[in-house]
N, C-alpha and C. Protein backbone atom coordinates (compact mmCIF):
# COMPACT_ATOMS: atom_id res chain seq x y z
N MET A 1 12.58 7.62 7.64
CA MET A 1 11.47 6.70 7.79
C MET A 1 11.70 5.47 6.93
N LYS A 2 11.13 4.38 7.35
CA LYS A 2 11.12 3.17 6.54
C LYS A 2 9.80 3.16 5.78
N VAL A 3 9.92 3.07 4.45
CA VAL A 3 8.76 3.26 3.59
C VAL A 3 8.75 2.21 2.49
N ILE A 4 7.56 1.81 2.08
CA ILE A 4 7.41 0.99 0.88
C ILE A 4 6.54 1.76 -0.09
N ALA A 5 6.97 1.81 -1.34
CA ALA A 5 6.22 2.49 -2.40
C ALA A 5 5.66 1.43 -3.33
N TYR A 6 4.35 1.38 -3.40
CA TYR A 6 3.64 0.41 -4.23
C TYR A 6 3.38 0.97 -5.62
N ASN A 7 3.23 0.07 -6.58
CA ASN A 7 2.77 0.40 -7.93
C ASN A 7 3.69 1.40 -8.64
N ILE A 8 4.99 1.26 -8.40
CA ILE A 8 5.98 2.18 -8.99
C ILE A 8 6.23 1.81 -10.45
N LYS A 9 6.15 2.80 -11.30
CA LYS A 9 6.45 2.63 -12.72
C LYS A 9 7.92 2.96 -12.94
N THR A 10 8.49 2.39 -13.96
CA THR A 10 9.92 2.58 -14.26
C THR A 10 10.28 4.06 -14.32
N PHE A 11 9.45 4.87 -14.96
CA PHE A 11 9.76 6.29 -15.12
C PHE A 11 9.71 7.07 -13.80
N GLU A 12 9.14 6.50 -12.74
CA GLU A 12 9.03 7.19 -11.46
C GLU A 12 10.25 6.98 -10.56
N LYS A 13 11.01 5.93 -10.81
CA LYS A 13 12.10 5.55 -9.92
C LYS A 13 13.15 6.64 -9.75
N ALA A 14 13.63 7.18 -10.84
CA ALA A 14 14.70 8.19 -10.76
C ALA A 14 14.22 9.44 -10.03
N GLY A 15 13.01 9.88 -10.32
CA GLY A 15 12.48 11.07 -9.68
C GLY A 15 12.36 10.92 -8.17
N LEU A 16 11.87 9.77 -7.73
CA LEU A 16 11.77 9.53 -6.28
C LEU A 16 13.15 9.45 -5.64
N ALA A 17 14.07 8.76 -6.29
CA ALA A 17 15.43 8.64 -5.74
C ALA A 17 16.09 10.01 -5.64
N ASP A 18 15.96 10.82 -6.68
CA ASP A 18 16.55 12.16 -6.66
C ASP A 18 15.94 13.03 -5.57
N ALA A 19 14.62 12.99 -5.45
CA ALA A 19 13.94 13.81 -4.45
C ALA A 19 14.26 13.33 -3.03
N ASN A 20 14.40 12.04 -2.87
CA ASN A 20 14.66 11.47 -1.54
C ASN A 20 16.04 11.80 -1.01
N GLN A 21 17.03 11.82 -1.85
CA GLN A 21 18.42 12.10 -1.47
C GLN A 21 18.87 11.25 -0.28
N ARG A 22 18.44 10.00 -0.27
CA ARG A 22 18.81 9.01 0.75
C ARG A 22 18.39 9.37 2.17
N LYS A 23 17.36 10.19 2.30
CA LYS A 23 16.86 10.57 3.63
C LYS A 23 16.01 9.46 4.24
N HIS A 24 15.22 8.81 3.40
CA HIS A 24 14.31 7.77 3.87
C HIS A 24 14.71 6.45 3.22
N HIS A 25 14.43 5.36 3.92
CA HIS A 25 14.71 4.03 3.39
C HIS A 25 13.45 3.57 2.65
N ILE A 26 13.47 3.75 1.33
CA ILE A 26 12.29 3.47 0.53
C ILE A 26 12.51 2.21 -0.31
N THR A 27 11.60 1.25 -0.16
CA THR A 27 11.58 0.06 -0.99
C THR A 27 10.58 0.30 -2.10
N LEU A 28 11.01 0.15 -3.33
CA LEU A 28 10.14 0.37 -4.48
C LEU A 28 9.70 -0.97 -5.05
N ILE A 29 8.39 -1.15 -5.24
CA ILE A 29 7.90 -2.36 -5.89
C ILE A 29 6.89 -1.96 -6.97
N SER A 30 6.79 -2.76 -7.99
CA SER A 30 5.88 -2.46 -9.10
C SER A 30 4.47 -2.99 -8.85
N ASN A 31 4.29 -3.81 -7.84
CA ASN A 31 2.98 -4.37 -7.54
C ASN A 31 2.08 -3.33 -6.90
N PRO A 32 0.80 -3.35 -7.24
CA PRO A 32 -0.14 -2.49 -6.51
C PRO A 32 -0.39 -3.04 -5.11
N ILE A 33 -0.84 -2.20 -4.22
CA ILE A 33 -1.18 -2.70 -2.88
C ILE A 33 -2.48 -3.49 -2.99
N GLY A 34 -2.54 -4.58 -2.25
CA GLY A 34 -3.72 -5.43 -2.24
C GLY A 34 -3.57 -6.49 -1.17
N GLU A 35 -4.53 -7.37 -1.10
CA GLU A 35 -4.50 -8.44 -0.09
C GLU A 35 -3.21 -9.26 -0.17
N GLU A 36 -2.70 -9.47 -1.39
CA GLU A 36 -1.50 -10.29 -1.57
C GLU A 36 -0.21 -9.54 -1.29
N THR A 37 -0.24 -8.21 -1.34
CA THR A 37 1.00 -7.43 -1.22
C THR A 37 1.07 -6.55 0.02
N VAL A 38 -0.01 -6.43 0.75
CA VAL A 38 -0.02 -5.55 1.92
C VAL A 38 1.04 -5.97 2.94
N ALA A 39 1.35 -7.25 3.01
CA ALA A 39 2.33 -7.74 3.99
C ALA A 39 3.74 -7.19 3.75
N TYR A 40 4.00 -6.68 2.56
CA TYR A 40 5.32 -6.08 2.30
C TYR A 40 5.55 -4.84 3.16
N ALA A 41 4.49 -4.30 3.77
CA ALA A 41 4.61 -3.10 4.60
C ALA A 41 5.04 -3.41 6.03
N VAL A 42 5.17 -4.67 6.38
CA VAL A 42 5.60 -5.03 7.74
C VAL A 42 6.95 -4.37 8.03
N GLY A 43 7.05 -3.74 9.20
CA GLY A 43 8.30 -3.09 9.60
C GLY A 43 8.49 -1.69 9.05
N LYS A 44 7.53 -1.19 8.30
CA LYS A 44 7.63 0.15 7.71
C LYS A 44 6.85 1.15 8.55
N ASP A 45 7.16 2.43 8.39
CA ASP A 45 6.44 3.52 9.05
C ASP A 45 5.34 4.09 8.17
N ALA A 46 5.58 4.05 6.85
CA ALA A 46 4.68 4.70 5.91
C ALA A 46 4.63 3.91 4.61
N ILE A 47 3.57 4.19 3.84
CA ILE A 47 3.50 3.63 2.49
C ILE A 47 3.24 4.76 1.51
N ILE A 48 3.67 4.53 0.28
CA ILE A 48 3.40 5.44 -0.83
C ILE A 48 2.56 4.64 -1.82
N VAL A 49 1.45 5.22 -2.25
CA VAL A 49 0.58 4.54 -3.21
C VAL A 49 0.34 5.45 -4.41
N SER A 50 -0.25 4.88 -5.43
CA SER A 50 -0.63 5.67 -6.61
C SER A 50 -2.14 5.84 -6.62
N GLY A 51 -2.62 6.66 -7.50
CA GLY A 51 -4.05 6.86 -7.63
C GLY A 51 -4.77 5.63 -8.15
N ASN A 52 -4.02 4.66 -8.65
CA ASN A 52 -4.62 3.42 -9.15
C ASN A 52 -4.72 2.34 -8.09
N ASP A 53 -4.15 2.58 -6.92
CA ASP A 53 -4.22 1.59 -5.84
C ASP A 53 -5.55 1.72 -5.10
N ASP A 54 -6.12 0.60 -4.71
CA ASP A 54 -7.36 0.58 -3.93
C ASP A 54 -7.00 0.34 -2.47
N VAL A 55 -6.97 1.42 -1.70
CA VAL A 55 -6.61 1.32 -0.29
C VAL A 55 -7.93 1.31 0.51
N SER A 56 -8.52 0.14 0.55
CA SER A 56 -9.83 -0.07 1.16
C SER A 56 -9.73 -0.11 2.68
N ALA A 57 -10.89 -0.17 3.32
CA ALA A 57 -10.93 -0.28 4.79
C ALA A 57 -10.22 -1.53 5.26
N ALA A 58 -10.37 -2.64 4.53
CA ALA A 58 -9.69 -3.88 4.92
C ALA A 58 -8.17 -3.73 4.85
N ILE A 59 -7.69 -3.06 3.82
CA ILE A 59 -6.24 -2.81 3.68
C ILE A 59 -5.78 -1.87 4.78
N ILE A 60 -6.55 -0.81 5.04
CA ILE A 60 -6.22 0.14 6.11
C ILE A 60 -6.08 -0.59 7.44
N SER A 61 -7.02 -1.48 7.72
CA SER A 61 -6.99 -2.22 8.98
C SER A 61 -5.71 -3.05 9.11
N LYS A 62 -5.33 -3.72 8.03
CA LYS A 62 -4.10 -4.51 8.06
C LYS A 62 -2.88 -3.63 8.22
N LEU A 63 -2.86 -2.49 7.53
CA LEU A 63 -1.74 -1.57 7.65
C LEU A 63 -1.61 -1.05 9.08
N ALA A 64 -2.73 -0.67 9.67
CA ALA A 64 -2.71 -0.16 11.04
C ALA A 64 -2.22 -1.23 12.01
N ASP A 65 -2.66 -2.46 11.80
CA ASP A 65 -2.21 -3.56 12.67
C ASP A 65 -0.71 -3.79 12.56
N MET A 66 -0.12 -3.43 11.40
CA MET A 66 1.32 -3.56 11.19
C MET A 66 2.09 -2.36 11.73
N GLY A 67 1.37 -1.33 12.15
CA GLY A 67 2.04 -0.14 12.69
C GLY A 67 2.21 0.99 11.70
N ILE A 68 1.63 0.88 10.52
CA ILE A 68 1.70 1.98 9.54
C ILE A 68 0.89 3.15 10.07
N ARG A 69 1.47 4.34 10.04
CA ARG A 69 0.79 5.53 10.53
C ARG A 69 0.63 6.61 9.45
N TYR A 70 1.22 6.38 8.27
CA TYR A 70 1.19 7.41 7.23
C TYR A 70 1.00 6.78 5.86
N ILE A 71 0.14 7.41 5.06
CA ILE A 71 -0.05 7.03 3.67
C ILE A 71 0.09 8.30 2.85
N THR A 72 1.01 8.30 1.91
CA THR A 72 1.09 9.41 0.97
C THR A 72 0.80 8.85 -0.41
N THR A 73 -0.02 9.56 -1.15
CA THR A 73 -0.39 9.12 -2.48
C THR A 73 0.23 10.03 -3.51
N ARG A 74 0.67 9.43 -4.60
CA ARG A 74 1.26 10.17 -5.70
C ARG A 74 0.15 10.64 -6.64
N SER A 75 -0.90 11.19 -6.07
CA SER A 75 -2.02 11.67 -6.86
C SER A 75 -2.65 12.87 -6.14
N VAL A 76 -3.41 13.64 -6.90
CA VAL A 76 -4.11 14.78 -6.33
C VAL A 76 -5.30 14.30 -5.51
N GLY A 77 -6.07 13.39 -6.08
CA GLY A 77 -7.25 12.87 -5.41
C GLY A 77 -6.90 11.80 -4.40
N ILE A 78 -7.82 11.59 -3.47
CA ILE A 78 -7.63 10.53 -2.47
C ILE A 78 -8.84 9.59 -2.42
N ASP A 79 -9.65 9.61 -3.47
CA ASP A 79 -10.85 8.77 -3.50
C ASP A 79 -10.53 7.28 -3.44
N HIS A 80 -9.32 6.91 -3.76
CA HIS A 80 -8.91 5.51 -3.75
C HIS A 80 -8.49 5.03 -2.35
N ILE A 81 -8.52 5.94 -1.39
CA ILE A 81 -8.16 5.62 0.00
C ILE A 81 -9.40 5.79 0.87
N ASP A 82 -9.70 4.81 1.69
CA ASP A 82 -10.83 4.93 2.61
C ASP A 82 -10.39 5.84 3.76
N ALA A 83 -10.67 7.14 3.60
CA ALA A 83 -10.19 8.15 4.55
C ALA A 83 -10.86 8.00 5.92
N VAL A 84 -12.09 7.56 5.95
CA VAL A 84 -12.77 7.37 7.23
C VAL A 84 -12.09 6.24 8.02
N ALA A 85 -11.81 5.14 7.33
CA ALA A 85 -11.11 4.03 7.99
C ALA A 85 -9.74 4.47 8.47
N ALA A 86 -9.04 5.26 7.65
CA ALA A 86 -7.72 5.76 8.05
C ALA A 86 -7.83 6.64 9.28
N PHE A 87 -8.81 7.53 9.30
CA PHE A 87 -9.00 8.40 10.45
C PHE A 87 -9.27 7.59 11.71
N LYS A 88 -10.15 6.61 11.60
CA LYS A 88 -10.48 5.77 12.75
C LYS A 88 -9.25 5.04 13.29
N ARG A 89 -8.34 4.67 12.39
CA ARG A 89 -7.14 3.93 12.80
C ARG A 89 -5.94 4.86 13.02
N LYS A 90 -6.19 6.17 13.01
CA LYS A 90 -5.16 7.19 13.28
C LYS A 90 -4.01 7.15 12.27
N ILE A 91 -4.36 6.89 11.01
CA ILE A 91 -3.38 6.94 9.92
C ILE A 91 -3.56 8.25 9.19
N LYS A 92 -2.49 8.99 9.04
CA LYS A 92 -2.53 10.27 8.34
C LYS A 92 -2.36 10.05 6.84
N ILE A 93 -3.02 10.90 6.07
CA ILE A 93 -2.99 10.82 4.61
C ILE A 93 -2.44 12.12 4.06
N ALA A 94 -1.61 12.02 3.02
CA ALA A 94 -1.15 13.20 2.31
C ALA A 94 -1.26 12.94 0.82
N ASN A 95 -1.54 13.99 0.07
CA ASN A 95 -1.59 13.89 -1.39
C ASN A 95 -0.67 14.95 -1.97
N VAL A 96 -0.67 15.07 -3.28
CA VAL A 96 0.21 16.02 -3.95
C VAL A 96 -0.61 16.86 -4.92
N SER A 97 0.00 17.94 -5.42
CA SER A 97 -0.63 18.73 -6.46
C SER A 97 -0.18 18.18 -7.81
N LEU A 98 -0.50 18.85 -8.86
CA LEU A 98 -0.22 18.34 -10.20
C LEU A 98 1.24 18.42 -10.62
N THR A 99 2.06 19.19 -9.93
CA THR A 99 3.45 19.34 -10.33
C THR A 99 4.40 18.83 -9.25
N LYS A 100 5.59 18.47 -9.65
CA LYS A 100 6.64 18.05 -8.73
C LYS A 100 6.17 16.94 -7.79
N ILE A 101 5.59 15.92 -8.36
CA ILE A 101 4.99 14.84 -7.57
C ILE A 101 6.02 14.14 -6.70
N ALA A 102 7.17 13.77 -7.25
CA ALA A 102 8.19 13.07 -6.47
C ALA A 102 8.68 13.93 -5.31
N GLU A 103 8.94 15.20 -5.59
CA GLU A 103 9.44 16.10 -4.55
C GLU A 103 8.42 16.28 -3.43
N GLN A 104 7.16 16.43 -3.79
CA GLN A 104 6.12 16.60 -2.78
C GLN A 104 5.90 15.33 -1.98
N THR A 105 6.01 14.19 -2.63
CA THR A 105 5.88 12.92 -1.93
C THR A 105 6.95 12.82 -0.84
N ILE A 106 8.18 13.17 -1.17
CA ILE A 106 9.27 13.11 -0.20
C ILE A 106 9.09 14.18 0.88
N ARG A 107 8.61 15.37 0.51
CA ARG A 107 8.36 16.41 1.52
C ARG A 107 7.30 15.94 2.52
N ASN A 108 6.30 15.20 2.05
CA ASN A 108 5.31 14.65 2.97
C ASN A 108 5.99 13.74 3.99
N LEU A 109 6.88 12.87 3.51
CA LEU A 109 7.62 11.97 4.42
C LEU A 109 8.51 12.76 5.36
N ASP A 110 9.18 13.79 4.84
CA ASP A 110 10.05 14.63 5.68
C ASP A 110 9.25 15.26 6.82
N SER A 111 8.09 15.77 6.50
CA SER A 111 7.26 16.42 7.51
C SER A 111 6.87 15.42 8.60
N TRP A 112 6.47 14.24 8.21
CA TRP A 112 6.09 13.23 9.19
C TRP A 112 7.28 12.76 10.00
N GLN A 113 8.46 12.69 9.37
CA GLN A 113 9.66 12.29 10.10
C GLN A 113 9.96 13.29 11.21
N LEU A 114 9.84 14.57 10.89
CA LEU A 114 10.05 15.61 11.91
C LEU A 114 9.04 15.45 13.05
N GLU A 115 7.80 15.21 12.67
CA GLU A 115 6.75 15.03 13.68
C GLU A 115 7.03 13.80 14.54
N LYS A 116 7.48 12.74 13.90
CA LYS A 116 7.78 11.50 14.60
C LYS A 116 8.94 11.69 15.58
N ASN A 117 9.93 12.48 15.18
CA ASN A 117 11.11 12.70 16.01
C ASN A 117 10.89 13.70 17.13
N SER A 118 9.87 14.51 17.02
CA SER A 118 9.65 15.55 18.02
C SER A 118 8.17 15.67 18.33
N ALA A 119 7.81 15.44 19.54
CA ALA A 119 6.41 15.54 19.95
C ALA A 119 5.90 16.96 19.85
N THR A 120 6.81 17.93 19.80
CA THR A 120 6.40 19.32 19.73
C THR A 120 6.64 19.92 18.35
N ALA A 121 6.74 19.08 17.35
CA ALA A 121 6.99 19.59 15.99
C ALA A 121 5.87 20.52 15.56
N ALA A 122 6.26 21.63 15.00
CA ALA A 122 5.27 22.61 14.53
C ALA A 122 4.67 22.12 13.23
N VAL A 123 3.38 22.28 13.10
CA VAL A 123 2.70 21.91 11.87
C VAL A 123 2.62 23.15 10.99
N THR A 124 3.15 23.05 9.79
CA THR A 124 3.11 24.17 8.87
C THR A 124 2.33 23.78 7.63
N THR A 125 1.80 24.76 6.97
CA THR A 125 1.07 24.51 5.74
C THR A 125 1.71 25.34 4.65
N THR A 126 2.00 24.71 3.53
CA THR A 126 2.51 25.42 2.37
C THR A 126 1.70 25.00 1.19
N LYS A 127 1.83 25.73 0.09
CA LYS A 127 1.08 25.37 -1.11
C LYS A 127 1.56 24.05 -1.69
N ASP A 128 2.76 23.59 -1.33
CA ASP A 128 3.29 22.33 -1.85
C ASP A 128 2.80 21.12 -1.09
N ARG A 129 2.24 21.30 0.10
CA ARG A 129 1.74 20.17 0.88
C ARG A 129 0.25 20.34 1.01
N VAL A 130 -0.47 19.60 0.23
CA VAL A 130 -1.91 19.79 0.13
C VAL A 130 -2.63 19.28 1.36
N ALA A 131 -2.38 18.05 1.76
CA ALA A 131 -3.14 17.47 2.89
C ALA A 131 -2.22 16.93 3.98
N VAL A 132 -0.98 17.35 3.98
CA VAL A 132 -0.04 16.85 4.97
C VAL A 132 -0.51 17.21 6.37
N ASN A 133 -0.33 16.28 7.28
CA ASN A 133 -0.66 16.45 8.69
C ASN A 133 -2.15 16.54 8.96
N ARG A 134 -2.95 16.16 7.99
CA ARG A 134 -4.37 16.02 8.24
C ARG A 134 -4.64 14.53 8.43
N SER A 135 -5.54 14.23 9.32
CA SER A 135 -5.91 12.84 9.53
C SER A 135 -7.04 12.42 8.60
N PHE A 136 -7.60 13.35 7.88
CA PHE A 136 -8.62 13.07 6.89
C PHE A 136 -8.69 14.27 5.97
N PRO A 137 -9.17 14.09 4.74
CA PRO A 137 -9.23 15.21 3.80
C PRO A 137 -10.30 16.23 4.22
N ALA A 138 -10.03 17.47 3.93
CA ALA A 138 -10.93 18.54 4.34
C ALA A 138 -12.31 18.41 3.72
N LYS A 139 -12.41 17.81 2.54
CA LYS A 139 -13.70 17.77 1.86
C LYS A 139 -14.67 16.75 2.46
N ILE A 140 -14.22 15.94 3.39
CA ILE A 140 -15.09 14.95 4.00
C ILE A 140 -15.74 15.53 5.25
N ASN A 141 -17.04 15.38 5.36
CA ASN A 141 -17.73 15.73 6.60
C ASN A 141 -17.57 14.51 7.49
N LEU A 142 -16.59 14.56 8.38
CA LEU A 142 -16.21 13.38 9.16
C LEU A 142 -17.35 12.87 10.02
N LYS A 143 -18.07 13.76 10.67
CA LYS A 143 -19.16 13.33 11.55
C LYS A 143 -20.20 12.54 10.75
N ALA A 144 -20.59 13.06 9.61
CA ALA A 144 -21.58 12.38 8.77
C ALA A 144 -21.01 11.05 8.24
N ALA A 145 -19.75 11.07 7.86
CA ALA A 145 -19.13 9.84 7.33
C ALA A 145 -19.04 8.76 8.39
N LEU A 146 -18.72 9.15 9.62
CA LEU A 146 -18.64 8.17 10.69
C LEU A 146 -20.01 7.60 11.02
N GLN A 147 -21.05 8.44 10.98
CA GLN A 147 -22.40 7.96 11.25
C GLN A 147 -22.84 6.96 10.19
N GLU A 148 -22.46 7.18 8.94
CA GLU A 148 -22.81 6.26 7.86
C GLU A 148 -22.18 4.89 8.08
N HIS A 149 -20.99 4.85 8.67
CA HIS A 149 -20.26 3.60 8.85
C HIS A 149 -20.64 2.86 10.12
N GLU A 150 -21.50 3.44 10.95
CA GLU A 150 -21.88 2.77 12.20
C GLU A 150 -23.05 1.85 12.00
């Protein structure tokens, strides 16, 4: 997959590179995602964000218009991502657990790559992939959330 990783800290670079093993074409930038930097995702399949990035509905809309279909966050929580907007725009979200963040981030991309390459890809769940292949987090009551946004 072609991926851009936003808000990358120096100490994260080696871990992501090691976990990736050159499977995905990942561009690393230190800037957080925002109105000024969202355009860096043009031509990419997925983005990687941190828990400090604000992935608002406006950002989601721009990402979807660029063809982004996947967002993986290097955090346990996803409160910084507008999951309802992502669901409406058919963007899948994945998060990680507290350990092996780089490895889980790459496994999320691997899973989506398999899905992208095969329309019949089997969806599996493991303890290492918390929200992979979900279009919204389980804790959100989607029907109620969609009604609030109408």
